[in-house]
C-alpha atoms as a PDB file:
ATOM      1  CA  MET A   1      50.493-260.087  54.195  1.00  0.00           C
ATOM      2  CA  LYS A   2      51.126-258.755  50.719  1.00  0.00           C
ATOM      3  CA  LYS A   3      48.869-256.129  49.196  1.00  0.00           C
ATOM      4  CA  THR A   4      48.705-254.776  45.702  1.00  0.00           C
ATOM      5  CA  ILE A   5      48.309-251.022  45.369  1.00  0.00           C
ATOM      6  CA  PHE A   6      47.777-249.183  42.102  1.00  0.00           C
ATOM      7  CA  PHE A   7      48.782-245.553  41.768  1.00  0.00           C
ATOM      8  CA  PHE A   8      48.462-242.961  39.011  1.00  0.00           C
ATOM      9  CA  LEU A   9      46.942-245.338  36.450  1.00  0.00           C
ATOM     10  CA  LEU A  10      44.070-246.645  38.612  1.00  0.00           C
ATOM     11  CA  LEU A  11      44.962-250.024  37.267  1.00  0.00           C
ATOM     12  CA  SER A  12      43.219-253.335  36.990  1.00  0.00           C
ATOM     13  CA  THR A  13      44.784-256.497  35.628  1.00  0.00           C
ATOM     14  CA  ASN A  14      41.508-257.121  33.797  1.00  0.00           C
ATOM     15  CA  PHE A  15      40.555-255.017  30.829  1.00  0.00           C
ATOM     16  CA  LEU A  16      37.044-254.359  32.110  1.00  0.00           C
ATOM     17  CA  LEU A  17      35.723-254.495  28.568  1.00  0.00           C
ATOM     18  CA  SER A  18      33.029-256.510  26.862  1.00  0.00           C
ATOM     19  CA  GLN A  19      33.865-260.112  26.090  1.00  0.00           C
ATOM     20  CA  VAL A  20      36.119-260.830  23.125  1.00  0.00           C
ATOM     21  CA  LEU A  21      34.938-263.890  21.210  1.00  0.00           C
ATOM     22  CA  PRO A  22      37.083-266.169  19.025  1.00  0.00           C
ATOM     23  CA  ASP A  23      36.892-265.240  15.349  1.00  0.00           C
ATOM     24  CA  SER A  24      36.096-267.477  12.390  1.00  0.00           C
ATOM     25  CA  THR A  25      39.779-268.057  11.607  1.00  0.00           C
ATOM     26  CA  GLN A  26      40.359-269.376  15.105  1.00  0.00           C
ATOM     27  CA  LEU A  27      37.299-271.620  14.969  1.00  0.00           C
ATOM     28  CA  ARG A  28      38.491-273.133  11.677  1.00  0.00           C
ATOM     29  CA  ALA A  29      41.947-273.565  13.204  1.00  0.00           C
ATOM     30  CA  LEU A  30      40.364-275.348  16.169  1.00  0.00           C
ATOM     31  CA  GLU A  31      38.607-277.773  13.822  1.00  0.00           C
ATOM     32  CA  LYS A  32      41.930-278.475  12.111  1.00  0.00           C
ATOM     33  CA  PHE A  33      43.611-278.888  15.502  1.00  0.00           C
ATOM     34  CA  ARG A  34      41.072-281.529  16.500  1.00  0.00           C
ATOM     35  CA  GLU A  35      41.351-283.258  13.124  1.00  0.00           C
ATOM     36  CA  ASP A  36      45.099-283.505  13.615  1.00  0.00           C
ATOM     37  CA  ASN A  37      45.103-284.513  17.279  1.00  0.00           C
ATOM     38  CA  GLY A  38      41.747-286.125  18.111  1.00  0.00           C
ATOM     39  CA  GLY A  39      38.466-284.820  19.439  1.00  0.00           C
ATOM     40  CA  ASN A  40      39.149-285.220  23.152  1.00  0.00           C
ATOM     41  CA  TRP A  41      40.729-281.812  23.542  1.00  0.00           C
ATOM     42  CA  ILE A  42      38.920-279.334  25.787  1.00  0.00           C
ATOM     43  CA  VAL A  43      39.257-275.627  25.070  1.00  0.00           C
ATOM     44  CA  ARG A  44      38.401-272.938  27.583  1.00  0.00           C
ATOM     45  CA  TRP A  45      38.376-269.497  26.050  1.00  0.00           C
ATOM     46  CA  ASP A  46      39.809-266.396  27.687  1.00  0.00           C
ATOM     47  CA  TYR A  47      37.150-263.814  26.880  1.00  0.00           C
ATOM     48  CA  THR A  48      39.437-260.953  27.865  1.00  0.00           C
ATOM     49  CA  THR A  49      41.689-261.707  24.910  1.00  0.00           C
ATOM     50  CA  GLY A  50      39.553-263.939  22.690  1.00  0.00           C
ATOM     51  CA  LEU A  51      42.222-266.651  22.857  1.00  0.00           C
ATOM     52  CA  PRO A  52      42.312-270.167  24.288  1.00  0.00           C
ATOM     53  CA  GLY A  53      43.038-269.737  27.980  1.00  0.00           C
ATOM     54  CA  SER A  54      43.588-273.452  28.295  1.00  0.00           C
ATOM     55  CA  VAL A  55      43.718-276.373  25.888  1.00  0.00           C
ATOM     56  CA  PHE A  56      43.992-279.837  27.404  1.00  0.00           C
ATOM     57  CA  GLY A  57      42.669-283.389  27.455  1.00  0.00           C
ATOM     58  CA  GLY A  58      44.473-284.884  24.477  1.00  0.00           C
ATOM     59  CA  LYS A  59      47.912-285.465  23.029  1.00  0.00           C
ATOM     60  CA  ALA A  60      49.552-283.708  20.102  1.00  0.00           C
ATOM     61  CA  GLU A  61      52.504-285.575  18.634  1.00  0.00           C
ATOM     62  CA  ILE A  62      54.882-282.688  18.046  1.00  0.00           C
ATOM     63  CA  LYS A  63      58.461-283.858  17.998  1.00  0.00           C
ATOM     64  CA  GLY A  64      61.369-281.583  18.827  1.00  0.00           C
ATOM     65  CA  ASN A  65      64.933-281.967  19.996  1.00  0.00           C
ATOM     66  CA  SER A  66      64.091-280.378  23.349  1.00  0.00           C
ATOM     67  CA  PRO A  67      60.944-279.409  25.299  1.00  0.00           C
ATOM     68  CA  GLU A  68      61.437-275.774  24.226  1.00  0.00           C
ATOM     69  CA  ILE A  69      61.659-276.660  20.541  1.00  0.00           C
ATOM     70  CA  THR A  70      58.625-278.940  20.840  1.00  0.00           C
ATOM     71  CA  ALA A  71      56.626-276.136  22.455  1.00  0.00           C
ATOM     72  CA  ARG A  72      57.678-273.628  19.809  1.00  0.00           C
ATOM     73  CA  LYS A  73      56.815-276.007  16.976  1.00  0.00           C
ATOM     74  CA  PHE A  74      53.381-276.570  18.546  1.00  0.00           C
ATOM     75  CA  LEU A  75      52.655-272.837  18.780  1.00  0.00           C
ATOM     76  CA  GLN A  76      53.938-272.271  15.254  1.00  0.00           C
ATOM     77  CA  LYS A  77      51.859-275.076  13.785  1.00  0.00           C
ATOM     78  CA  TYR A  78      48.678-273.762  15.393  1.00  0.00           C
ATOM     79  CA  SER A  79      49.482-270.056  15.289  1.00  0.00           C
ATOM     80  CA  ASN A  80      46.056-269.239  13.791  1.00  0.00           C
ATOM     81  CA  LEU A  81      44.381-270.732  16.853  1.00  0.00           C
ATOM     82  CA  PHE A  82      46.593-269.011  19.415  1.00  0.00           C
ATOM     83  CA  LYS A  83      47.078-265.839  17.327  1.00  0.00           C
ATOM     84  CA  ILE A  84      50.827-266.034  17.760  1.00  0.00           C
ATOM     85  CA  ASP A  85      53.242-264.808  15.120  1.00  0.00           C
ATOM     86  CA  ALA A  86      54.681-267.738  13.219  1.00  0.00           C
ATOM     87  CA  ASP A  87      58.185-266.896  14.493  1.00  0.00           C
ATOM     88  CA  ASN A  88      57.024-266.638  18.155  1.00  0.00           C
ATOM     89  CA  SER A  89      58.866-263.326  18.380  1.00  0.00           C
ATOM     90  CA  LYS A  90      56.446-261.880  20.943  1.00  0.00           C
ATOM     91  CA  LEU A  91      56.751-264.811  23.341  1.00  0.00           C
ATOM     92  CA  ARG A  92      60.079-265.059  25.121  1.00  0.00           C
ATOM     93  CA  PHE A  93      61.270-268.382  26.497  1.00  0.00           C
ATOM     94  CA  VAL A  94      61.575-268.257  30.298  1.00  0.00           C
ATOM     95  CA  GLU A  95      62.360-271.737  31.572  1.00  0.00           C
ATOM     96  CA  VAL A  96      61.664-275.467  31.513  1.00  0.00           C
ATOM     97  CA  THR A  97      60.669-277.214  34.712  1.00  0.00           C
ATOM     98  CA  GLY A  98      59.289-280.673  35.224  1.00  0.00           C
ATOM     99  CA  ASN A  99      59.446-284.077  36.842  1.00  0.00           C
ATOM    100  CA  ASP A 100      59.913-287.691  35.812  1.00  0.00           C
ATOM    101  CA  LYS A 101      56.676-287.651  33.779  1.00  0.00           C
ATOM    102  CA  MET A 102      56.402-284.292  32.017  1.00  0.00           C
ATOM    103  CA  ASN A 103      57.988-280.950  31.255  1.00  0.00           C
ATOM    104  CA  TYR A 104      56.530-277.450  31.631  1.00  0.00           C
ATOM    105  CA  VAL A 105      57.817-274.908  29.107  1.00  0.00           C
ATOM    106  CA  LYS A 106      57.115-271.317  30.114  1.00  0.00           C
ATOM    107  CA  PHE A 107      56.998-268.297  27.792  1.00  0.00           C
ATOM    108  CA  ARG A 108      56.249-264.665  28.597  1.00  0.00           C
ATOM    109  CA  GLN A 109      55.048-261.959  26.247  1.00  0.00           C
ATOM    110  CA  VAL A 110      57.435-259.062  25.632  1.00  0.00           C
ATOM    111  CA  TYR A 111      57.130-255.759  23.814  1.00  0.00           C
ATOM    112  CA  HIS A 112      60.436-254.287  22.663  1.00  0.00           C
ATOM    113  CA  ASN A 113      62.074-256.633  25.187  1.00  0.00           C
ATOM    114  CA  ILE A 114      59.905-255.355  28.062  1.00  0.00           C
ATOM    115  CA  PRO A 115      57.759-257.997  29.809  1.00  0.00           C
ATOM    116  CA  VAL A 116      53.982-257.606  29.652  1.00  0.00           C
ATOM    117  CA  TYR A 117      52.468-257.901  33.122  1.00  0.00           C
ATOM    118  CA  GLY A 118      50.227-260.894  33.786  1.00  0.00           C
ATOM    119  CA  THR A 119      51.191-262.821  30.672  1.00  0.00           C
ATOM    120  CA  GLU A 120      52.658-266.279  30.323  1.00  0.00           C
ATOM    121  CA  TYR A 121      52.063-269.382  28.268  1.00  0.00           C
ATOM    122  CA  ILE A 122      52.938-272.787  29.673  1.00  0.00           C
ATOM    123  CA  ILE A 123      53.153-275.732  27.288  1.00  0.00           C
ATOM    124  CA  THR A 124      53.161-279.154  28.946  1.00  0.00           C
ATOM    125  CA  THR A 125      54.935-281.986  27.134  1.00  0.00           C
ATOM    126  CA  ASP A 126      55.493-285.606  28.048  1.00  0.00           C
ATOM    127  CA  LEU A 127      58.947-287.154  28.006  1.00  0.00           C
ATOM    128  CA  ASN A 128      58.390-288.447  24.451  1.00  0.00           C
ATOM    129  CA  GLY A 129      57.832-284.937  23.127  1.00  0.00           C
ATOM    130  CA  ALA A 130      54.023-284.928  22.805  1.00  0.00           C
ATOM    131  CA  VAL A 131      52.166-281.780  23.859  1.00  0.00           C
ATOM    132  CA  LEU A 132      49.553-282.393  26.570  1.00  0.00           C
ATOM    133  CA  SER A 133      48.274-278.902  27.287  1.00  0.00           C
ATOM    134  CA  ALA A 134      48.694-275.180  26.652  1.00  0.00           C
ATOM    135  CA  ILE A 135      47.611-272.758  29.358  1.00  0.00           C
ATOM    136  CA  GLY A 136      48.064-269.028  29.805  1.00  0.00           C
ATOM    137  CA  ARG A 137      47.425-265.552  28.468  1.00  0.00           C
ATOM    138  CA  HIS A 138      48.948-263.146  26.001  1.00  0.00           C
ATOM    139  CA  TYR A 139      47.547-260.165  24.096  1.00  0.00           C
ATOM    140  CA  PRO A 140      47.375-260.614  20.303  1.00  0.00           C
ATOM    141  CA  VAL A 141      47.210-256.912  19.506  1.00  0.00           C
ATOM    142  CA  ASP A 142      49.669-254.108  18.794  1.00  0.00           C
ATOM    143  CA  LEU A 143      50.427-252.825  22.267  1.00  0.00           C
ATOM    144  CA  ASN A 144      51.394-249.409  20.867  1.00  0.00           C
ATOM    145  CA  CYS A 145      52.798-247.818  24.022  1.00  0.00           C
ATOM    146  CA  ALA A 146      55.903-245.996  25.226  1.00  0.00           C
ATOM    147  CA  THR A 147      58.991-248.040  25.935  1.00  0.00           C
ATOM    148  CA  THR A 148      61.063-245.328  27.633  1.00  0.00           C
ATOM    149  CA  ALA A 149      60.134-244.487  31.228  1.00  0.00           C
ATOM    150  CA  SER A 150      59.578-240.858  32.192  1.00  0.00           C
ATOM    151  CA  LEU A 151      60.689-241.661  35.754  1.00  0.00           C
ATOM    152  CA  ASN A 152      63.714-243.601  36.888  1.00  0.00           C
ATOM    153  CA  LYS A 153      63.438-246.232  39.593  1.00  0.00           C
ATOM    154  CA  ASP A 154      64.248-243.877  42.487  1.00  0.00           C
ATOM    155  CA  GLU A 155      61.831-241.202  41.264  1.00  0.00           C
ATOM    156  CA  ALA A 156      59.054-243.756  40.953  1.00  0.00           C
ATOM    157  CA  PHE A 157      59.764-245.076  44.452  1.00  0.00           C
ATOM    158  CA  ASN A 158      59.625-241.567  45.924  1.00  0.00           C
ATOM    159  CA  ARG A 159      56.357-240.802  44.149  1.00  0.00           C
ATOM    160  CA  ALA A 160      54.850-244.058  45.398  1.00  0.00           C
ATOM    161  CA  LYS A 161      55.841-243.224  48.985  1.00  0.00           C
ATOM    162  CA  ASN A 162      54.302-239.766  48.672  1.00  0.00           C
ATOM    163  CA  ASP A 163      51.043-241.174  47.317  1.00  0.00           C
ATOM    164  CA  ILE A 164      50.823-243.780  50.053  1.00  0.00           C
ATOM    165  CA  GLY A 165      50.922-240.812  52.413  1.00  0.00           C
ATOM    166  CA  SER A 166      52.210-242.686  55.417  1.00  0.00           C
ATOM    167  CA  SER A 167      54.904-241.722  57.889  1.00  0.00           C
ATOM    168  CA  GLU A 168      56.168-245.294  57.908  1.00  0.00           C
ATOM    169  CA  LYS A 169      59.605-246.106  56.570  1.00  0.00           C
ATOM    170  CA  PHE A 170      59.592-248.073  53.335  1.00  0.00           C
ATOM    171  CA  LYS A 171      62.160-250.375  51.825  1.00  0.00           C
ATOM    172  CA  LEU A 172      62.278-251.195  48.120  1.00  0.00           C
ATOM    173  CA  TYR A 173      63.053-254.876  47.600  1.00  0.00           C
ATOM    174  CA  ARG A 174      62.628-255.088  43.854  1.00  0.00           C
ATOM    175  CA  SER A 175      61.603-252.971  40.899  1.00  0.00           C
ATOM    176  CA  ASP A 176      60.772-254.013  37.339  1.00  0.00           C
ATOM    177  CA  LEU A 177      59.787-252.009  34.296  1.00  0.00           C
ATOM    178  CA  LEU A 178      56.702-253.624  32.730  1.00  0.00           C
ATOM    179  CA  ILE A 179      54.011-253.093  30.136  1.00  0.00           C
ATOM    180  CA  LEU A 180      50.743-252.964  32.033  1.00  0.00           C
ATOM    181  CA  PRO A 181      47.261-253.673  30.541  1.00  0.00           C
ATOM    182  CA  HIS A 182      44.752-250.979  31.455  1.00  0.00           C
ATOM    183  CA  LYS A 183      41.208-250.648  30.121  1.00  0.00           C
ATOM    184  CA  GLY A 184      41.978-251.968  26.662  1.00  0.00           C
ATOM    185  CA  LYS A 185      45.267-250.100  26.372  1.00  0.00           C
ATOM    186  CA  PHE A 186      48.821-250.671  27.505  1.00  0.00           C
ATOM    187  CA  ARG A 187      51.098-248.434  29.513  1.00  0.00           C
ATOM    188  CA  LEU A 188      54.681-248.536  30.673  1.00  0.00           C
ATOM    189  CA  ALA A 189      54.904-248.743  34.466  1.00  0.00           C
ATOM    190  CA  TRP A 190      57.229-249.540  37.307  1.00  0.00           C
ATOM    191  CA  LYS A 191      56.276-252.513  39.449  1.00  0.00           C
ATOM    192  CA  MET A 192      57.822-252.201  42.898  1.00  0.00           C
ATOM    193  CA  ASP A 193      57.846-254.633  45.796  1.00  0.00           C
ATOM    194  CA  ILE A 194      57.924-252.523  48.960  1.00  0.00           C
ATOM    195  CA  SER A 195      57.900-253.383  52.648  1.00  0.00           C
ATOM    196  CA  THR A 196      57.081-251.237  55.673  1.00  0.00           C
ATOM    197  CA  GLU A 197      59.596-251.560  58.496  1.00  0.00           C
ATOM    198  CA  ALA A 198      57.201-250.845  61.338  1.00  0.00           C
ATOM    199  CA  ARG A 199      54.362-253.277  60.658  1.00  0.00           C
ATOM    200  CA  GLY A 200      56.039-255.710  58.287  1.00  0.00           C
ATOM    201  CA  ARG A 201      53.554-255.103  55.491  1.00  0.00           C
ATOM    202  CA  PHE A 202      54.494-256.036  51.943  1.00  0.00           C
ATOM    203  CA  LEU A 203      53.075-253.924  49.126  1.00  0.00           C
ATOM    204  CA  GLU A 204      53.095-254.465  45.366  1.00  0.00           C
ATOM    205  CA  VAL A 205      52.980-250.974  43.890  1.00  0.00           C
ATOM    206  CA  PHE A 206      52.599-249.871  40.262  1.00  0.00           C
ATOM    207  CA  CYS A 207      53.337-246.344  39.104  1.00  0.00           C
END
């Protein structure tokens, strides 16, 4: 069993704030989006960010030389709806996966080349290059946080072990430096995947 434990920041992956509603620019962009691509599209808003959490149900004829280029052109064309910079500089391409019917193009938000925890955008395209859906989350604000860690990986691991307060032996399997959303702000944090040797527990620790 894997557990997630939050230290030092008392973290939550949700902002725990009041709902953020889409603004008038986004609503006008949504009207234009439906004019361009038909009225069958369904939009489900992410009220943590005020952005579309999912857009699906139609087909947008966006042609590119590859699934990645098609996805980027789609986000650029409707940047006012998704609140993405026209050059997509804040969304880093991760990978393309798929099958014999469609492709899934995954992006992740970065801040000064550091991944933002809990963010991704997946654009689904058919094999002819049309966009079928856009699903995910990113934060359309200036993250305005540190990008240099005050602790190195080993120091963070030792502090996590001390805060767990257990006599068990721990093994660090993986550590990543991330930007972590926390109560409307963003903080630099280590994410560590830790196991306990005695009971075989797996912990996801942030510090």
